[in-house]
Amino acid sequence: MYIESVPNRSSPPAILLRESFRQDGRVKKRTLANLSKLPAAAIETLRRVLRGETLVNPREAFTCVRSLPHGHVAAVLGTLRQLGLHTLIDRNASRVRDLVLALIVDRVIDAQSKLATARALAPESSVSTLGQTLDLGDIDPHELYDAMDWLVPRQAAIEQRLAKRHLQEHTLVLYDLTSSYVEGTHCPLARRGHSRDRKKGTLQIVFGLLCTAEGCPVAVEVFEGSTADPKTVASQVTKIRERFGLQHVVLVGDRGMLTAARIREDLADVEGLRWITTLRAPTIRKLVDAGAVTPSFFDERDLAEITSDEFPGERLIVCRNPLLAAERQRKRHELLAATEKDLEPIAAATRRENKPLRGKADIGVRVGKVINRYKMAKHFRTDITDESFTFRRDEEQIAAEERLDGIYIVRSNVEPEQFDAAQTVRAYKDLSKVERAFRSLKSVDLKVRPLHHRRADRVRAHVLLCMLAHYVEWHMRRALAPLLFDDHDPDAAEQQRTSIVAPARRSPAALAKARRKRTDDDLPVHSFRTLLTDLGTLAVNTMQVAGDRSTFTLHTAPTPFQQRCFELLGVQPNL
């Protein structure tokens, strides 16, 4: 039997099942069935059966023996290589360098402990293709710690190469400091100090981050947890000038770091170094009380440049943000009301008939526990006797503080020819980019805290790995901004701003994207975390053939969204 296609004039050909036989010495054929109405696939299957082929159900022909998430690995590792970060770490390929790359990529994908990372990279327990892509094979957790020890001596060279790439003479350098709590008591860097994590009773470390004006991280340094912010400035100036070889830069730091003492002792005599910071509230109050700053400054504008004999050769740029002033007044009155609510039960306890609260010392102890809970003690007048307690708001003190609401003064020695008043204020406001970097490092993405390492060099290596991971993430965010909730049109956003003192505004395109949750190309908008999760569904599948049990690799086809991600990053999904 066989299948034959017979022409049928202008109609489609007839597909016939026929049988051939011999009769009277001649070969004849007869039609057994007309198959024309059958689907083409069914006809082809029958044709193969008649030829004697063995047919196998497609579901039984291949077995998927393993499927590993790959898209997020391809995106992060591809970006890292495209940035040349692997050559910045070490120009010679080696296993230890690949382990460091694995630690960086894994920190971006899923920040976890070194033990968990070693388990995730091992072939038998891997949760992604990272270990396979880097050809790491079996991994002992101690290898990762050895890789961290190998990385620390290279930190200075890595930062120097990053600075050469991203910093030039006369450029802005942003510097800020944060802290992170430490688990355990044996780390020599761990000390008690001002905890920015609000983790009372825990030891901590402090680390400072140097960034470009755009917020790209360049260098990081770890200090003991009790180190005051101003004490770290001198080492950063030395790093910029001696290691990076930059003689003319503008250092931007907050008022808690670039204090009057630091400026006088560490910055004033450094030739070519300029700085931008702000004044503290007591100094601003002095200028207001002395009449150097008056409300009339802000009748028609929100920014004015002044001079003062107390700051010779420096520029003072006075700014007033009315929205900030209203917010501070609202918050102050809420905290005053909350403090009164805590104090009233104590006053009532001294007036009750049954077992009234007595004793000046006892009353004072109870008042002391609550009066400064919200930092409002300075705004209250109290009167404590052995038998009574009364309190009232210090309206004069409150009014004096309200006069300063919304006012801040930017202090700088940058020449007006280099930065005008608005540019100087903008440069100071750029410090918010370092704050965003800290949020990414500490909580949102990279999770530098808590620290479990005991050795000082391991702590430094851990923080450096987190900074390098943030370096990769920072570039990925910029490239993927059209698909993220991040503002992808900063120039349009800046045009929406009426003044540099006014709050920053998002561009119309970013607002539309956030409202619709879709891009102009009708693709979904993601956060950076959910975008990586979506890319992780792009898998590498190990398939096994039923007959000879041989295996081959089959890559999942990317979705339109995933394909767009790789196009924006400029990397290939199949590394």
Protein backbone atom coordinates (compact mmCIF):
# COMPACT_ATOMS: atom_id res chain seq x y z
CA MET A 1 0.00 0.00 0.00
CA TYR A 2 1.07 3.52 -0.65
CA ILE A 3 -0.27 7.07 -0.83
CA GLU A 4 -0.51 8.80 -4.18
CA SER A 5 -1.36 12.35 -5.11
CA VAL A 6 -3.50 12.46 -8.25
CA PRO A 7 -3.96 15.73 -10.20
CA ASN A 8 -7.58 16.84 -10.37
CA ARG A 9 -7.68 19.51 -13.09
CA SER A 10 -8.27 22.93 -11.48
CA SER A 11 -9.22 21.42 -8.12
CA PRO A 12 -6.72 20.42 -5.41
CA PRO A 13 -5.11 17.05 -6.10
CA ALA A 14 -6.77 13.94 -4.69
CA ILE A 15 -4.84 12.10 -1.99
CA LEU A 16 -5.55 8.39 -2.42
CA LEU A 17 -4.59 5.31 -0.43
CA ARG A 18 -3.80 2.68 -3.05
CA GLU A 19 -2.72 -0.95 -3.24
CA SER A 20 -0.64 -2.51 -6.00
CA PHE A 21 -0.89 -6.19 -7.00
CA ARG A 22 0.10 -8.52 -9.85
CA GLN A 23 -2.53 -10.15 -12.04
CA ASP A 24 -1.94 -12.23 -15.17
CA GLY A 25 1.68 -11.19 -15.12
CA ARG A 26 0.85 -7.50 -15.03
CA VAL A 27 1.11 -4.98 -12.14
CA LYS A 28 -2.19 -3.36 -11.34
CA LYS A 29 -3.41 -0.96 -8.64
CA ARG A 30 -6.67 -0.16 -6.97
CA THR A 31 -7.85 2.67 -4.71
CA LEU A 32 -8.70 1.68 -1.13
CA ALA A 33 -9.63 5.11 0.29
CA ASN A 34 -9.76 8.78 -0.51
CA LEU A 35 -7.67 10.63 2.10
CA SER A 36 -8.13 14.12 0.70
CA LYS A 37 -10.13 15.38 3.68
CA LEU A 38 -7.56 14.27 6.26
CA PRO A 39 -5.15 16.86 7.75
CA ALA A 40 -1.76 17.03 6.11
CA ALA A 41 -0.05 15.90 9.34
CA ALA A 42 -2.21 12.77 9.50
CA ILE A 43 -1.50 11.96 5.87
CA GLU A 44 2.24 12.33 6.44
CA THR A 45 2.06 10.09 9.53
CA LEU A 46 0.26 7.39 7.56
CA ARG A 47 2.83 7.74 4.76
CA ARG A 48 5.65 7.13 7.27
CA VAL A 49 3.87 4.06 8.71
CA LEU A 50 3.47 2.58 5.26
CA ARG A 51 7.20 3.07 4.71
CA GLY A 52 7.88 0.95 7.78
CA GLU A 53 9.14 3.74 10.04
CA THR A 54 8.73 3.36 13.82
CA LEU A 55 6.73 6.30 15.17
CA VAL A 56 7.25 7.63 18.67
CA ASN A 57 4.92 9.93 20.59
CA PRO A 58 6.67 13.35 20.80
CA ARG A 59 5.98 13.39 24.53
CA GLU A 60 7.85 10.11 24.86
CA ALA A 61 10.67 10.92 22.47
CA PHE A 62 12.32 13.51 24.72
CA THR A 63 12.44 14.02 28.44
CA CYS A 64 13.38 17.28 30.13
CA VAL A 65 15.76 16.04 32.81
CA ARG A 66 16.63 19.52 34.15
CA SER A 67 15.59 23.14 33.67
CA LEU A 68 17.67 26.00 35.07
CA PRO A 69 16.75 29.72 35.11
CA HIS A 70 19.13 31.54 32.81
CA GLY A 71 17.78 34.88 31.55
CA HIS A 72 18.71 36.91 34.63
CA VAL A 73 22.21 35.37 34.63
CA ALA A 74 22.66 36.25 30.96
CA ALA A 75 21.50 39.84 31.58
CA VAL A 76 23.67 40.54 34.65
CA LEU A 77 26.79 38.62 33.58
CA GLY A 78 26.49 39.97 30.05
CA THR A 79 26.31 43.54 31.36
CA LEU A 80 29.28 42.91 33.65
CA ARG A 81 31.37 41.70 30.74
CA GLN A 82 30.18 44.48 28.48
CA LEU A 83 31.34 46.99 31.11
CA GLY A 84 34.71 45.26 31.22
CA LEU A 85 34.44 44.85 34.98
CA HIS A 86 36.11 41.45 34.82
CA THR A 87 39.24 43.05 33.35
CA LEU A 88 39.12 45.87 35.92
CA ILE A 89 39.24 43.25 38.65
CA ASP A 90 42.10 41.34 37.05
CA ARG A 91 43.30 41.29 33.47
CA ASN A 92 44.21 37.60 33.62
CA ALA A 93 41.45 35.01 33.49
CA SER A 94 41.52 32.59 36.40
CA ARG A 95 39.23 30.48 38.53
CA VAL A 96 39.51 32.83 41.48
CA ARG A 97 38.47 35.76 39.30
CA ASP A 98 35.48 33.78 38.04
CA LEU A 99 34.50 33.08 41.65
CA VAL A 100 34.56 36.82 42.36
CA LEU A 101 32.41 37.42 39.28
CA ALA A 102 29.99 34.77 40.52
CA LEU A 103 29.77 36.52 43.90
CA ILE A 104 29.02 39.85 42.20
CA VAL A 105 26.38 38.45 39.83
CA ASP A 106 24.73 36.40 42.55
CA ARG A 107 24.57 39.50 44.76
CA VAL A 108 22.57 41.28 42.05
CA ILE A 109 20.32 38.31 41.29
CA ASP A 110 19.66 37.05 44.82
CA ALA A 111 21.72 38.43 47.70
CA GLN A 112 22.46 35.62 50.14
CA SER A 113 25.14 34.23 52.41
CA LYS A 114 28.38 32.82 51.04
CA LEU A 115 27.38 29.29 52.10
CA ALA A 116 24.07 29.61 50.26
CA THR A 117 25.89 31.03 47.25
CA ALA A 118 28.29 28.07 47.16
CA ARG A 119 25.34 25.70 47.28
CA ALA A 120 23.52 27.60 44.52
CA LEU A 121 26.59 27.44 42.26
CA ALA A 122 27.31 23.74 42.77
CA PRO A 123 26.26 21.54 39.77
CA GLU A 124 24.10 19.15 41.81
CA SER A 125 22.20 21.89 43.67
CA SER A 126 22.43 24.88 41.34
CA VAL A 127 19.41 27.18 41.11
CA SER A 128 20.57 28.97 37.95
CA THR A 129 23.05 28.60 35.11
CA LEU A 130 25.59 30.93 36.76
CA GLY A 131 28.01 28.21 37.85
CA GLN A 132 27.60 26.39 34.54
CA THR A 133 28.12 29.55 32.47
CA LEU A 134 31.34 30.38 34.33
CA ASP A 135 32.37 26.69 34.22
CA LEU A 136 33.02 26.60 37.97
CA GLY A 137 32.28 22.93 38.56
CA ASP A 138 32.25 21.74 42.18
CA ILE A 139 32.68 24.57 44.69
CA ASP A 140 33.79 24.43 48.29
CA PRO A 141 32.49 27.32 50.43
CA HIS A 142 36.05 28.01 51.56
CA GLU A 143 36.94 28.83 47.95
CA LEU A 144 34.56 31.79 48.09
CA TYR A 145 36.21 33.09 51.25
CA ASP A 146 39.62 32.62 49.63
CA ALA A 147 38.34 34.60 46.63
CA MET A 148 37.32 37.43 48.98
CA ASP A 149 40.80 37.39 50.52
CA TRP A 150 42.26 37.53 46.99
CA LEU A 151 40.04 40.52 46.12
CA VAL A 152 40.92 42.84 49.02
CA PRO A 153 44.52 43.66 47.98
CA ARG A 154 43.18 44.57 44.52
CA GLN A 155 40.65 47.10 45.80
CA ALA A 156 42.92 50.12 45.35
CA ALA A 157 43.74 49.16 41.73
CA ILE A 158 40.07 48.49 40.92
CA GLU A 159 38.97 51.85 42.31
CA GLN A 160 41.78 53.60 40.51
CA ARG A 161 40.64 52.11 37.20
CA LEU A 162 37.03 53.05 37.91
CA ALA A 163 38.08 56.61 38.74
CA LYS A 164 40.10 56.84 35.54
CA ARG A 165 37.03 55.74 33.60
CA HIS A 166 34.43 57.98 35.29
CA LEU A 167 36.21 60.97 36.88
CA GLN A 168 38.10 63.83 35.26
CA GLU A 169 39.65 67.07 36.39
CA HIS A 170 37.17 69.76 37.53
CA THR A 171 34.49 67.13 38.05
CA LEU A 172 31.97 66.71 40.88
CA VAL A 173 32.58 63.96 43.42
CA LEU A 174 29.75 63.00 45.77
CA TYR A 175 30.65 61.56 49.16
CA ASP A 176 28.40 60.27 51.92
CA LEU A 177 28.56 57.86 54.81
CA THR A 178 26.29 55.20 56.25
CA SER A 179 26.44 52.38 58.76
CA SER A 180 25.45 48.73 58.89
CA TYR A 181 24.95 46.52 61.91
CA VAL A 182 27.12 43.48 62.58
CA GLU A 183 26.08 40.14 64.02
CA GLY A 184 28.43 38.77 66.67
CA THR A 185 31.06 40.43 68.81
CA HIS A 186 34.42 39.36 67.32
CA CYS A 187 34.83 41.70 64.33
CA PRO A 188 37.61 44.22 65.08
CA LEU A 189 35.83 46.90 63.02
CA ALA A 190 32.54 46.53 64.90
CA ARG A 191 31.92 49.31 67.42
CA ARG A 192 29.01 51.05 69.06
CA GLY A 193 28.10 54.32 67.43
CA HIS A 194 25.31 56.31 65.86
CA SER A 195 23.19 53.66 64.13
CA ARG A 196 21.55 54.84 60.94
CA ASP A 197 19.74 51.49 60.88
CA ARG A 198 18.07 52.34 64.21
CA LYS A 199 19.26 49.02 65.64
CA LYS A 200 19.80 49.86 69.27
CA GLY A 201 22.33 47.86 71.22
CA THR A 202 24.11 46.37 68.18
CA LEU A 203 27.67 46.78 67.00
CA GLN A 204 28.16 48.35 63.61
CA ILE A 205 30.59 49.33 60.91
CA VAL A 206 30.66 52.58 58.94
CA PHE A 207 31.44 52.84 55.24
CA GLY A 208 31.73 55.80 52.91
CA LEU A 209 30.85 55.83 49.22
CA LEU A 210 32.40 58.03 46.53
CA CYS A 211 30.19 58.55 43.46
CA THR A 212 30.18 60.56 40.27
CA ALA A 213 27.73 63.44 39.79
CA GLU A 214 25.34 60.94 38.16
CA GLY A 215 25.52 58.60 41.17
CA CYS A 216 27.79 55.94 39.65
CA PRO A 217 29.84 54.32 42.47
CA VAL A 218 33.60 54.63 42.15
CA ALA A 219 35.12 53.78 45.54
CA VAL A 220 34.11 52.58 49.00
CA GLU A 221 35.95 52.55 52.31
CA VAL A 222 35.09 50.80 55.57
CA PHE A 223 35.71 52.42 58.97
CA GLU A 224 35.24 51.37 62.57
CA GLY A 225 31.66 51.69 63.74
CA SER A 226 32.43 54.49 66.19
CA THR A 227 34.06 56.73 63.56
CA ALA A 228 32.46 60.17 63.32
CA ASP A 229 31.51 61.37 59.85
CA PRO A 230 33.97 64.30 59.72
CA LYS A 231 36.90 62.04 60.60
CA THR A 232 36.56 60.22 57.28
CA VAL A 233 36.96 63.28 55.06
CA ALA A 234 40.77 63.52 55.12
CA SER A 235 41.23 59.97 53.80
CA GLN A 236 38.86 60.68 50.90
CA VAL A 237 40.76 63.82 49.92
CA THR A 238 43.99 61.83 49.96
CA LYS A 239 42.39 59.10 47.87
CA ILE A 240 41.10 61.55 45.26
CA ARG A 241 44.34 63.49 44.92
CA GLU A 242 47.04 60.85 45.39
CA ARG A 243 45.51 57.58 44.22
CA PHE A 244 43.20 58.97 41.55
CA GLY A 245 45.58 61.73 40.54
CA LEU A 246 42.89 64.43 40.41
CA GLN A 247 44.06 67.87 41.52
CA HIS A 248 40.99 69.95 40.68
CA VAL A 249 37.68 68.49 41.88
CA VAL A 250 34.55 69.67 43.67
CA LEU A 251 33.78 67.53 46.72
CA VAL A 252 30.10 67.49 47.76
CA GLY A 253 29.20 66.37 51.28
CA ASP A 254 26.46 66.98 53.81
CA ARG A 255 26.66 69.38 56.75
CA GLY A 256 27.38 66.59 59.23
CA MET A 257 30.51 65.64 57.31
CA LEU A 258 31.98 68.83 55.87
CA THR A 259 31.84 70.72 59.14
CA ALA A 260 33.53 74.03 59.83
CA ALA A 261 36.38 72.22 61.59
CA ARG A 262 36.91 69.81 58.66
CA ILE A 263 36.88 72.64 56.15
CA ARG A 264 39.37 74.61 58.21
CA GLU A 265 41.72 71.71 59.00
CA ASP A 266 41.47 69.35 56.02
CA LEU A 267 40.21 71.32 53.02
CA ALA A 268 41.12 75.00 53.31
CA ASP A 269 44.81 74.60 52.43
CA VAL A 270 44.37 72.00 49.67
CA GLU A 271 45.09 73.75 46.38
CA GLY A 272 42.63 73.03 43.59
CA LEU A 273 40.07 71.39 45.88
CA ARG A 274 36.61 72.96 46.00
CA TRP A 275 33.72 71.83 48.14
CA ILE A 276 29.96 72.25 48.55
CA THR A 277 27.98 71.63 51.73
CA THR A 278 25.29 73.31 53.85
CA LEU A 279 25.22 75.17 57.15
CA ARG A 280 23.90 73.68 60.37
CA ALA A 281 20.68 74.98 61.91
CA PRO A 282 22.39 76.93 64.79
CA THR A 283 24.56 78.80 62.27
CA ILE A 284 21.51 79.58 60.11
CA ARG A 285 19.73 80.91 63.20
CA LYS A 286 22.64 83.22 63.91
CA LEU A 287 22.50 84.63 60.40
CA VAL A 288 18.74 85.13 60.66
CA ASP A 289 19.03 86.82 64.06
CA ALA A 290 21.82 89.05 62.77
CA GLY A 291 19.63 90.17 59.85
CA ALA A 292 21.86 88.63 57.18
CA VAL A 293 18.87 86.57 56.09
CA THR A 294 15.44 88.21 56.08
CA PRO A 295 11.99 87.03 54.91
CA SER A 296 12.01 89.74 52.24
CA PHE A 297 14.61 87.69 50.35
CA PHE A 298 11.86 85.31 49.32
CA ASP A 299 9.10 87.72 48.30
CA GLU A 300 9.70 87.13 44.61
CA ARG A 301 12.24 84.31 44.51
CA ASP A 302 13.26 81.22 46.46
CA LEU A 303 17.04 81.58 46.14
CA ALA A 304 19.46 84.38 46.99
CA GLU A 305 23.25 84.56 47.22
CA ILE A 306 24.76 86.46 50.16
CA THR A 307 28.11 87.02 51.81
CA SER A 308 29.06 87.13 55.49
CA ASP A 309 32.13 88.27 57.38
CA GLU A 310 32.05 84.97 59.26
CA PHE A 311 32.71 83.12 56.00
CA PRO A 312 35.35 85.13 54.16
CA GLY A 313 35.98 84.13 50.57
CA GLU A 314 32.98 81.79 50.53
CA ARG A 315 29.58 81.86 48.89
CA LEU A 316 26.36 81.41 50.84
CA ILE A 317 23.27 80.56 48.82
CA VAL A 318 20.08 80.92 50.83
CA CYS A 319 17.14 78.77 49.68
CA ARG A 320 13.58 78.50 50.92
CA ASN A 321 11.26 75.69 49.93
CA PRO A 322 7.66 76.56 50.95
CA LEU A 323 6.51 72.96 50.60
CA LEU A 324 9.29 71.84 52.93
CA ALA A 325 8.34 74.61 55.37
CA ALA A 326 4.69 73.49 55.43
CA GLU A 327 5.70 69.87 55.94
CA ARG A 328 8.00 70.72 58.86
CA GLN A 329 5.30 72.80 60.53
CA ARG A 330 2.79 69.99 60.13
CA LYS A 331 5.16 67.43 61.55
CA ARG A 332 6.20 69.69 64.44
CA HIS A 333 2.61 70.27 65.56
CA GLU A 334 1.91 66.54 65.37
CA LEU A 335 4.94 65.77 67.54
CA LEU A 336 4.00 68.53 70.01
CA ALA A 337 0.52 67.05 70.32
CA ALA A 338 1.98 63.55 70.79
CA THR A 339 4.30 64.83 73.53
CA GLU A 340 1.40 66.56 75.30
CA LYS A 341 -0.56 63.32 75.13
CA ASP A 342 2.31 61.55 76.93
CA LEU A 343 2.73 64.30 79.55
CA GLU A 344 -0.96 64.72 80.42
CA PRO A 345 -1.31 61.38 82.30
CA ILE A 346 1.61 62.39 84.54
CA ALA A 347 -0.03 65.73 85.36
CA ALA A 348 -3.32 63.92 85.98
CA ALA A 349 -1.58 61.46 88.30
CA THR A 350 -0.48 64.35 90.57
CA ARG A 351 -4.12 65.61 90.78
CA ARG A 352 -5.94 62.35 91.48
CA GLU A 353 -7.50 61.83 94.91
CA ASN A 354 -6.52 58.18 95.32
CA LYS A 355 -2.77 57.68 95.76
CA PRO A 356 -1.64 60.79 93.90
CA LEU A 357 1.86 60.93 92.43
CA ARG A 358 4.10 62.77 94.88
CA GLY A 359 7.75 63.65 95.18
CA LYS A 360 9.69 65.98 92.94
CA ALA A 361 12.22 63.27 92.10
CA ASP A 362 9.61 60.64 91.20
CA ILE A 363 7.63 63.09 89.08
CA GLY A 364 10.81 64.23 87.36
CA VAL A 365 11.81 60.64 86.52
CA ARG A 366 8.48 59.96 84.82
CA VAL A 367 8.57 63.25 82.94
CA GLY A 368 12.12 62.62 81.78
CA LYS A 369 11.12 59.31 80.19
CA VAL A 370 8.61 60.84 77.79
CA ILE A 371 9.25 64.55 77.30
CA ASN A 372 11.98 64.07 74.69
CA ARG A 373 10.63 60.93 73.08
CA TYR A 374 9.85 62.94 69.94
CA LYS A 375 12.72 65.45 70.36
CA MET A 376 10.27 68.14 71.50
CA ALA A 377 11.58 68.88 75.03
CA LYS A 378 13.05 72.20 73.84
CA HIS A 379 9.54 73.45 73.01
CA PHE A 380 8.04 72.92 76.49
CA ARG A 381 8.22 74.78 79.79
CA THR A 382 7.71 72.52 82.81
CA ASP A 383 7.11 73.21 86.49
CA ILE A 384 7.67 70.34 88.92
CA THR A 385 7.07 70.50 92.68
CA ASP A 386 6.64 67.84 95.31
CA GLU A 387 2.89 67.83 94.76
CA SER A 388 2.27 69.01 91.19
CA PHE A 389 3.41 68.99 87.63
CA THR A 390 2.38 71.46 84.94
CA PHE A 391 3.61 72.04 81.41
CA ARG A 392 2.96 74.39 78.54
CA ARG A 393 4.29 75.05 75.11
CA ASP A 394 7.08 77.58 74.71
CA GLU A 395 5.40 79.56 71.96
CA GLU A 396 8.33 81.93 71.61
CA GLN A 397 10.76 79.08 71.04
CA ILE A 398 8.37 77.43 68.57
CA ALA A 399 7.93 80.68 66.64
CA ALA A 400 11.69 81.20 66.49
CA GLU A 401 12.16 77.76 65.00
CA GLU A 402 9.28 78.21 62.56
CA ARG A 403 11.05 81.20 61.09
CA LEU A 404 13.71 78.79 59.84
CA ASP A 405 11.29 76.28 58.34
CA GLY A 406 12.09 75.50 54.73
CA ILE A 407 15.31 77.54 54.82
CA TYR A 408 18.67 75.97 54.10
CA ILE A 409 21.94 77.62 53.14
CA VAL A 410 24.39 76.05 50.74
CA ARG A 411 28.01 76.89 51.58
CA SER A 412 30.75 76.64 48.97
CA ASN A 413 34.08 78.01 47.81
CA VAL A 414 33.41 77.16 44.14
CA GLU A 415 33.95 80.19 41.91
CA PRO A 416 30.79 81.66 40.32
CA GLU A 417 32.41 81.27 36.91
CA GLN A 418 32.47 77.50 37.43
CA PHE A 419 29.03 77.07 39.04
CA ASP A 420 26.38 79.74 39.33
CA ALA A 421 24.00 79.76 42.31
CA ALA A 422 21.47 77.37 40.77
CA GLN A 423 24.18 74.93 39.63
CA THR A 424 25.72 74.95 43.10
CA VAL A 425 22.40 74.11 44.73
CA ARG A 426 21.81 71.38 42.14
CA ALA A 427 25.23 69.91 42.89
CA TYR A 428 24.38 69.68 46.59
CA LYS A 429 21.00 68.11 45.84
CA ASP A 430 22.81 65.45 43.82
CA LEU A 431 23.77 63.89 47.16
CA SER A 432 20.34 62.27 47.05
CA LYS A 433 21.80 59.93 44.42
CA VAL A 434 24.21 58.56 47.02
CA GLU A 435 21.27 58.07 49.38
CA ARG A 436 19.54 56.04 46.67
CA ALA A 437 22.71 53.99 46.32
CA PHE A 438 22.67 53.29 50.06
CA ARG A 439 19.04 52.16 49.89
CA SER A 440 19.97 49.76 47.11
CA LEU A 441 23.06 48.52 48.93
CA LYS A 442 21.47 48.06 52.32
CA SER A 443 17.91 46.92 51.82
CA VAL A 444 16.21 47.01 48.43
CA ASP A 445 18.51 44.91 46.25
CA LEU A 446 21.99 44.02 47.45
CA LYS A 447 21.47 43.62 51.21
CA VAL A 448 24.88 44.46 52.56
CA ARG A 449 23.44 44.00 56.05
CA PRO A 450 23.59 42.26 58.39
CA LEU A 451 27.27 41.38 58.38
CA HIS A 452 28.34 38.01 59.74
CA HIS A 453 32.07 38.15 58.92
CA ARG A 454 34.54 38.25 61.78
CA ARG A 455 37.75 39.28 60.03
CA ALA A 456 38.25 42.91 59.05
CA ASP A 457 39.45 42.04 55.53
CA ARG A 458 36.40 39.86 54.95
CA VAL A 459 34.13 42.76 55.95
CA ARG A 460 35.98 45.04 53.52
CA ALA A 461 35.69 42.41 50.78
CA HIS A 462 31.97 41.99 51.42
CA VAL A 463 31.33 45.74 51.18
CA LEU A 464 33.49 45.97 48.05
CA LEU A 465 31.55 43.12 46.41
CA CYS A 466 28.30 44.93 47.18
CA MET A 467 29.67 48.15 45.67
CA LEU A 468 30.76 46.34 42.49
CA ALA A 469 27.34 44.68 42.30
CA HIS A 470 25.74 48.11 42.61
CA TYR A 471 28.04 49.33 39.82
CA VAL A 472 26.59 46.66 37.52
CA GLU A 473 23.04 47.32 38.69
CA TRP A 474 23.44 51.10 38.22
CA HIS A 475 24.33 50.61 34.56
CA MET A 476 21.56 48.06 34.08
CA ARG A 477 18.98 50.45 35.54
CA ARG A 478 20.06 53.20 33.16
CA ALA A 479 19.80 50.91 30.14
CA LEU A 480 16.50 49.34 31.24
CA ALA A 481 14.87 52.59 32.40
CA PRO A 482 12.19 52.51 29.63
CA LEU A 483 10.91 49.22 31.09
CA LEU A 484 11.23 50.24 34.76
CA PHE A 485 9.26 52.64 36.90
CA ASP A 486 12.42 54.78 36.88
CA ASP A 487 12.21 58.08 35.01
CA HIS A 488 13.68 57.43 31.55
CA ASP A 489 13.42 61.05 30.38
CA PRO A 490 15.33 63.15 32.96
CA ASP A 491 15.73 66.11 30.61
CA ALA A 492 11.95 66.45 30.26
CA ALA A 493 11.62 66.06 34.05
CA GLU A 494 14.06 68.92 34.58
CA GLN A 495 12.08 71.13 32.21
CA GLN A 496 9.00 70.58 34.37
CA ARG A 497 10.85 72.08 37.35
CA THR A 498 10.10 75.75 37.94
CA SER A 499 13.16 76.27 40.15
CA ILE A 500 16.11 74.26 41.41
CA VAL A 501 14.79 74.81 44.96
CA ALA A 502 11.39 73.34 44.04
CA PRO A 503 10.89 69.61 44.52
CA ALA A 504 11.95 67.40 41.65
CA ARG A 505 9.19 66.28 39.32
CA ARG A 506 8.81 63.22 37.12
CA SER A 507 8.61 63.61 33.38
CA PRO A 508 5.22 63.29 31.62
CA ALA A 509 6.41 60.07 30.00
CA ALA A 510 7.32 58.56 33.38
CA LEU A 511 3.97 59.61 34.87
CA ALA A 512 2.09 58.06 31.96
CA LYS A 513 4.13 54.87 32.30
CA ALA A 514 3.40 54.66 36.03
CA ARG A 515 -0.30 55.33 35.49
CA ARG A 516 -0.85 52.75 32.74
CA LYS A 517 1.67 50.21 34.06
CA ARG A 518 2.51 49.70 30.38
CA THR A 519 5.11 51.20 28.07
CA ASP A 520 4.39 52.93 24.78
CA ASP A 521 5.20 49.58 23.12
CA ASP A 522 2.51 47.96 25.33
CA LEU A 523 5.06 46.04 27.38
CA PRO A 524 4.62 45.65 31.16
CA VAL A 525 6.48 48.05 33.46
CA HIS A 526 8.52 46.45 36.23
CA SER A 527 10.59 47.21 39.25
CA PHE A 528 14.20 46.08 38.93
CA ARG A 529 13.53 43.05 41.15
CA THR A 530 10.47 41.85 39.26
CA LEU A 531 12.24 42.42 35.94
CA LEU A 532 15.01 40.04 37.00
CA THR A 533 12.38 37.55 38.13
CA ASP A 534 10.73 37.74 34.71
CA LEU A 535 14.08 37.26 32.96
CA GLY A 536 14.72 34.24 35.18
CA THR A 537 11.87 32.38 33.46
CA LEU A 538 14.05 32.22 30.35
CA ALA A 539 15.52 28.79 31.01
CA VAL A 540 18.15 26.38 29.72
CA ASN A 541 16.65 22.89 29.48
CA THR A 542 18.63 19.64 29.37
CA MET A 543 16.69 17.23 27.14
CA GLN A 544 17.21 13.45 26.96
CA VAL A 545 16.48 11.33 23.88
CA ALA A 546 14.33 8.28 24.65
CA GLY A 547 16.21 5.80 22.48
CA ASP A 548 19.93 6.22 23.14
CA ARG A 549 19.46 8.42 26.28
CA SER A 550 21.79 11.05 24.88
CA THR A 551 21.20 14.66 25.95
CA PHE A 552 21.13 18.03 24.28
CA THR A 553 20.46 21.61 25.41
CA LEU A 554 17.29 23.46 24.47
CA HIS A 555 16.93 27.18 25.24
CA THR A 556 13.54 28.68 26.02
CA ALA A 557 12.44 31.18 23.39
CA PRO A 558 12.40 34.72 24.86
CA THR A 559 9.13 36.61 25.14
CA PRO A 560 8.82 40.02 23.45
CA PHE A 561 9.45 41.68 26.82
CA GLN A 562 12.57 39.60 27.47
CA GLN A 563 13.84 40.21 23.96
CA ARG A 564 13.43 43.96 24.49
CA CYS A 565 15.41 43.75 27.75
CA PHE A 566 18.36 42.14 26.01
CA GLU A 567 18.18 44.66 23.18
CA LEU A 568 18.35 47.55 25.65
CA LEU A 569 21.26 45.93 27.51
CA GLY A 570 23.07 45.11 24.27
CA VAL A 571 23.80 41.51 25.33
CA GLN A 572 22.83 38.11 23.95
CA PRO A 573 20.53 35.82 25.98
CA ASN A 574 22.56 32.72 25.10
CA LEU A 575 25.97 33.34 26.65
